[in-house]
Amino acid sequence: MSTSSIDTGRLALLIPVMLLALLGGCASHPDHGLEGSGERGESRHAALRAGIAATDSDAEHIPPVPHDPAVRPMAAAATEEYFRGLQYLRNDDLPRALVVFQSLTTRYPALSGPWVNVGLIELRQKNWQDAETALRRALDANAQNPYAHNALGVALREQGRFAEAAEHYHQAVTLDPLYARAHFNLGVLAELYLQDMPQALAHFRAYQALQRQPDNTVANWITDLERRQPSVAGRPDKNQDEEEL
């Protein structure tokens, strides 16, 4: 995403929006070895538990992240340092990135974006409880940040707190129904952890519908789920529609 021509009025939105690219770059790619096999083998489990979308995802969307107008001057003041932290992350320089974002959280605690980045760094280092703490601070700053809810869902899932993870993933897609990655994470959680195949199918379909070109990996998973659950392969009934919302 280009960071040129940023005006102050859009800055409070753009800071957390940059997290979408970071979420795509912070985790390993899914293993394609079991595509279409119909099996829930360990390699597929290991791939999906990373909680990221398939490598060929091309969904492009800027989720709305409403902010109190009072934080916009803080966001403007934090811009240069924030993007320096992003660059450290892109270069996999986690120690420097963490220093930058922790400094921002100290000086601008009302901004949710730096807190989310601290949480993402902790996720990359598998510090699940520290990630949870940072992401809850992000939500204290802005409960309407779908990125924070999605990342917190990952932290909670890795601690075995699946029902809580589902709540935050659902909150992410409630705040932004076009948030493809959160739909993907809901599909993963439903299939591999909650054994809720209708929900898994619904959210993988929602994820797929948001791609500009079909995601071949997820297309195979959808086919697999339809084969294993023929009763849910067709159009969802009214109750399923209500659950998806």
Protein backbone atom coordinates (compact mmCIF):
# COMPACT_ATOMS: atom_id res chain seq x y z
CA MET A 1 0.00 0.00 0.00
CA SER A 2 1.36 3.41 -0.90
CA THR A 3 1.97 5.75 1.99
CA SER A 4 2.28 8.88 -0.13
CA SER A 5 -0.11 11.84 0.03
CA ILE A 6 -1.35 11.08 3.53
CA ASP A 7 -3.49 13.85 4.92
CA THR A 8 -4.22 14.34 8.59
CA GLY A 9 -7.91 13.59 8.22
CA ARG A 10 -7.20 10.07 6.91
CA LEU A 11 -4.26 9.29 9.14
CA ALA A 12 -6.14 7.83 12.08
CA LEU A 13 -7.71 5.39 9.62
CA LEU A 14 -4.54 4.57 7.71
CA ILE A 15 -2.38 3.73 10.73
CA PRO A 16 -4.37 0.63 11.74
CA VAL A 17 -5.13 -0.14 8.08
CA MET A 18 -1.42 -0.79 7.49
CA LEU A 19 -1.78 -3.77 9.81
CA LEU A 20 -3.51 -5.74 7.06
CA ALA A 21 -0.28 -5.99 5.09
CA LEU A 22 1.60 -6.89 8.24
CA LEU A 23 -0.74 -9.73 9.08
CA GLY A 24 -0.09 -11.15 5.65
CA GLY A 25 3.66 -10.98 6.13
CA CYS A 26 3.98 -12.15 9.71
CA ALA A 27 3.21 -15.83 9.40
CA SER A 28 4.33 -18.84 7.43
CA HIS A 29 2.51 -19.83 4.27
CA PRO A 30 0.05 -22.72 4.31
CA ASP A 31 1.37 -26.08 3.23
CA HIS A 32 -0.29 -27.02 -0.07
CA GLY A 33 0.65 -30.71 0.22
CA LEU A 34 -2.80 -31.92 1.24
CA GLU A 35 -4.96 -29.80 -1.04
CA GLY A 36 -8.12 -31.63 -1.96
CA SER A 37 -7.11 -34.78 -0.13
CA GLY A 38 -10.11 -34.75 2.16
CA GLU A 39 -7.90 -35.64 5.11
CA ARG A 40 -7.27 -33.65 8.28
CA GLY A 41 -3.64 -34.67 8.54
CA GLU A 42 -1.09 -33.02 10.79
CA SER A 43 0.55 -31.03 8.00
CA ARG A 44 -2.73 -29.35 7.12
CA HIS A 45 -3.38 -28.69 10.79
CA ALA A 46 0.06 -27.15 11.19
CA ALA A 47 -0.52 -24.98 8.15
CA LEU A 48 -3.94 -23.71 9.14
CA ARG A 49 -3.12 -23.02 12.78
CA ALA A 50 -0.98 -20.09 11.64
CA GLY A 51 -4.28 -18.28 11.16
CA ILE A 52 -3.43 -16.61 7.87
CA ALA A 53 -5.04 -16.59 4.48
CA ALA A 54 -3.74 -18.74 1.67
CA THR A 55 -0.69 -17.43 -0.17
CA ASP A 56 -2.59 -16.54 -3.32
CA SER A 57 -5.18 -14.38 -1.56
CA ASP A 58 -5.79 -11.19 -3.51
CA ALA A 59 -8.55 -9.61 -1.44
CA GLU A 60 -8.02 -5.87 -1.34
CA HIS A 61 -10.06 -3.92 1.16
CA ILE A 62 -9.57 -1.11 3.66
CA PRO A 63 -11.66 -1.96 6.72
CA PRO A 64 -13.29 1.00 8.42
CA VAL A 65 -11.60 1.80 11.73
CA PRO A 66 -13.58 4.64 13.28
CA HIS A 67 -11.68 6.85 15.69
CA ASP A 68 -12.53 9.62 18.06
CA PRO A 69 -11.56 12.82 16.19
CA ALA A 70 -9.57 13.82 19.27
CA VAL A 71 -6.89 11.22 18.49
CA ARG A 72 -6.17 12.50 14.98
CA PRO A 73 -3.55 15.06 16.06
CA MET A 74 -1.80 12.26 17.99
CA ALA A 75 -1.88 10.06 14.90
CA ALA A 76 -0.38 12.85 12.82
CA ALA A 77 2.43 13.31 15.34
CA ALA A 78 3.13 9.57 15.40
CA THR A 79 3.18 9.01 11.63
CA GLU A 80 6.88 9.14 10.84
CA GLU A 81 7.90 6.92 13.73
CA TYR A 82 5.04 4.53 13.09
CA PHE A 83 6.10 3.87 9.51
CA ARG A 84 9.68 3.46 10.63
CA GLY A 85 8.45 0.67 12.89
CA LEU A 86 6.61 -0.87 9.94
CA GLN A 87 9.81 -0.86 7.92
CA TYR A 88 11.66 -2.65 10.71
CA LEU A 89 8.90 -5.26 10.69
CA ARG A 90 9.16 -5.74 6.94
CA ASN A 91 12.87 -6.30 7.40
CA ASP A 92 12.17 -8.84 10.19
CA ASP A 93 14.01 -6.63 12.68
CA LEU A 94 11.64 -7.44 15.52
CA PRO A 95 13.71 -6.00 18.39
CA ARG A 96 13.87 -2.54 16.80
CA ALA A 97 10.26 -2.69 15.71
CA LEU A 98 9.19 -3.58 19.23
CA VAL A 99 11.17 -0.66 20.69
CA VAL A 100 9.48 1.74 18.27
CA PHE A 101 5.95 0.53 18.89
CA GLN A 102 6.37 0.28 22.64
CA SER A 103 7.64 3.84 22.65
CA LEU A 104 4.57 4.93 20.69
CA THR A 105 2.23 3.17 23.10
CA THR A 106 3.85 5.04 25.98
CA ARG A 107 3.61 8.44 24.33
CA TYR A 108 0.32 7.94 22.46
CA PRO A 109 -1.68 5.36 24.45
CA ALA A 110 -4.93 6.46 22.80
CA LEU A 111 -3.78 5.08 19.43
CA SER A 112 -4.74 1.46 18.92
CA GLY A 113 -2.40 0.82 15.96
CA PRO A 114 0.90 0.73 17.91
CA TRP A 115 -0.65 -1.61 20.48
CA VAL A 116 -1.81 -3.96 17.72
CA ASN A 117 1.69 -4.02 16.27
CA VAL A 118 3.17 -4.88 19.67
CA GLY A 119 0.65 -7.72 19.81
CA LEU A 120 1.58 -8.91 16.33
CA ILE A 121 5.26 -8.97 17.24
CA GLU A 122 4.48 -11.01 20.34
CA LEU A 123 2.42 -13.39 18.18
CA ARG A 124 5.37 -13.87 15.85
CA GLN A 125 7.48 -14.80 18.87
CA LYS A 126 4.74 -17.12 20.20
CA ASN A 127 4.37 -15.06 23.38
CA TRP A 128 0.63 -15.66 23.46
CA GLN A 129 -0.14 -14.10 26.83
CA ASP A 130 1.95 -11.00 26.11
CA ALA A 131 0.20 -10.70 22.76
CA GLU A 132 -3.17 -10.94 24.46
CA THR A 133 -2.22 -8.20 26.91
CA ALA A 134 -1.12 -5.83 24.14
CA LEU A 135 -4.17 -6.53 21.99
CA ARG A 136 -6.53 -5.94 24.89
CA ARG A 137 -4.80 -2.59 25.39
CA ALA A 138 -5.46 -1.91 21.71
CA LEU A 139 -9.15 -2.58 22.26
CA ASP A 140 -9.16 -0.39 25.35
CA ALA A 141 -7.94 2.39 23.06
CA ASN A 142 -10.39 1.58 20.26
CA ALA A 143 -12.91 -1.22 20.61
CA GLN A 144 -13.94 -0.68 16.97
CA ASN A 145 -10.60 -1.84 15.54
CA PRO A 146 -11.27 -5.09 13.61
CA TYR A 147 -7.53 -5.80 13.30
CA ALA A 148 -7.19 -5.90 17.08
CA HIS A 149 -10.13 -8.30 17.40
CA ASN A 150 -8.77 -10.58 14.69
CA ALA A 151 -5.26 -10.73 16.16
CA LEU A 152 -6.63 -11.25 19.66
CA GLY A 153 -8.58 -14.19 18.29
CA VAL A 154 -5.28 -15.75 17.19
CA ALA A 155 -3.70 -15.18 20.62
CA LEU A 156 -6.69 -16.72 22.39
CA ARG A 157 -6.87 -19.67 20.01
CA GLU A 158 -3.22 -20.48 20.66
CA GLN A 159 -4.01 -20.62 24.37
CA GLY A 160 -6.82 -23.09 23.76
CA ARG A 161 -9.55 -20.55 24.48
CA PHE A 162 -11.55 -21.31 21.39
CA ALA A 163 -14.92 -19.84 22.39
CA GLU A 164 -13.28 -16.51 23.26
CA ALA A 165 -11.33 -16.59 20.01
CA ALA A 166 -14.56 -17.10 18.08
CA GLU A 167 -16.13 -14.10 19.83
CA HIS A 168 -13.33 -11.80 18.70
CA TYR A 169 -13.22 -13.15 15.15
CA HIS A 170 -16.98 -12.64 14.95
CA GLN A 171 -16.56 -9.12 16.30
CA ALA A 172 -14.02 -8.43 13.54
CA VAL A 173 -16.40 -9.50 10.78
CA THR A 174 -19.30 -7.72 12.48
CA LEU A 175 -17.32 -4.50 12.43
CA ASP A 176 -16.29 -5.18 8.85
CA PRO A 177 -18.09 -7.95 6.91
CA LEU A 178 -15.54 -7.56 4.08
CA TYR A 179 -12.58 -8.46 6.30
CA ALA A 180 -11.43 -11.54 4.38
CA ARG A 181 -8.74 -12.68 6.80
CA ALA A 182 -11.14 -12.74 9.76
CA HIS A 183 -13.55 -14.90 7.73
CA PHE A 184 -10.64 -17.21 6.95
CA ASN A 185 -9.69 -17.45 10.63
CA LEU A 186 -13.29 -18.24 11.55
CA GLY A 187 -13.27 -21.02 8.98
CA VAL A 188 -10.06 -22.45 10.43
CA LEU A 189 -11.36 -22.26 13.99
CA ALA A 190 -14.69 -23.82 13.09
CA GLU A 191 -13.21 -26.72 11.11
CA LEU A 192 -10.15 -27.70 13.11
CA TYR A 193 -10.98 -26.67 16.66
CA LEU A 194 -14.77 -26.47 17.06
CA GLN A 195 -15.67 -29.20 14.54
CA ASP A 196 -18.45 -26.96 13.22
CA MET A 197 -18.40 -27.81 9.52
CA PRO A 198 -21.38 -25.65 8.47
CA GLN A 199 -19.73 -22.58 10.00
CA ALA A 200 -16.37 -23.47 8.47
CA LEU A 201 -17.96 -23.79 5.06
CA ALA A 202 -19.87 -20.52 5.43
CA HIS A 203 -16.78 -18.52 6.35
CA PHE A 204 -14.49 -20.11 3.78
CA ARG A 205 -17.15 -19.24 1.20
CA ALA A 206 -17.30 -15.67 2.52
CA TYR A 207 -13.51 -15.46 2.30
CA GLN A 208 -13.53 -16.84 -1.24
CA ALA A 209 -16.23 -14.41 -2.35
CA LEU A 210 -13.98 -11.50 -1.36
CA GLN A 211 -11.13 -12.58 -3.67
CA ARG A 212 -10.72 -10.91 -7.04
CA GLN A 213 -9.64 -14.29 -8.41
CA PRO A 214 -10.61 -17.61 -6.79
CA ASP A 215 -8.17 -18.80 -4.14
CA ASN A 216 -7.34 -22.31 -5.33
CA THR A 217 -6.29 -23.54 -1.89
CA VAL A 218 -9.50 -22.47 -0.21
CA ALA A 219 -11.54 -23.69 -3.20
CA ASN A 220 -10.19 -27.17 -2.51
CA TRP A 221 -11.02 -26.88 1.18
CA ILE A 222 -14.57 -25.83 0.31
CA THR A 223 -14.92 -28.81 -2.01
CA ASP A 224 -13.59 -31.07 0.73
CA LEU A 225 -16.08 -29.70 3.26
CA GLU A 226 -18.96 -30.04 0.82
CA ARG A 227 -17.99 -33.65 0.18
CA ARG A 228 -17.77 -34.43 3.89
CA GLN A 229 -20.91 -32.46 4.75
CA PRO A 230 -23.31 -32.80 1.81
CA SER A 231 -26.22 -31.58 3.90
CA VAL A 232 -24.62 -28.13 4.17
CA ALA A 233 -23.22 -27.96 0.64
CA GLY A 234 -26.28 -26.18 -0.69
CA ARG A 235 -27.85 -22.90 0.27
CA PRO A 236 -27.86 -22.29 4.05
CA ASP A 237 -31.17 -22.27 5.80
CA LYS A 238 -32.49 -19.26 7.70
CA ASN A 239 -30.89 -20.24 10.99
CA GLN A 240 -27.48 -20.65 9.38
CA ASP A 241 -27.87 -17.24 7.74
CA GLU A 242 -28.56 -15.69 11.12
CA GLU A 243 -25.52 -17.40 12.65
CA GLU A 244 -23.25 -16.09 9.91
CA LEU A 245 -24.33 -12.54 10.62
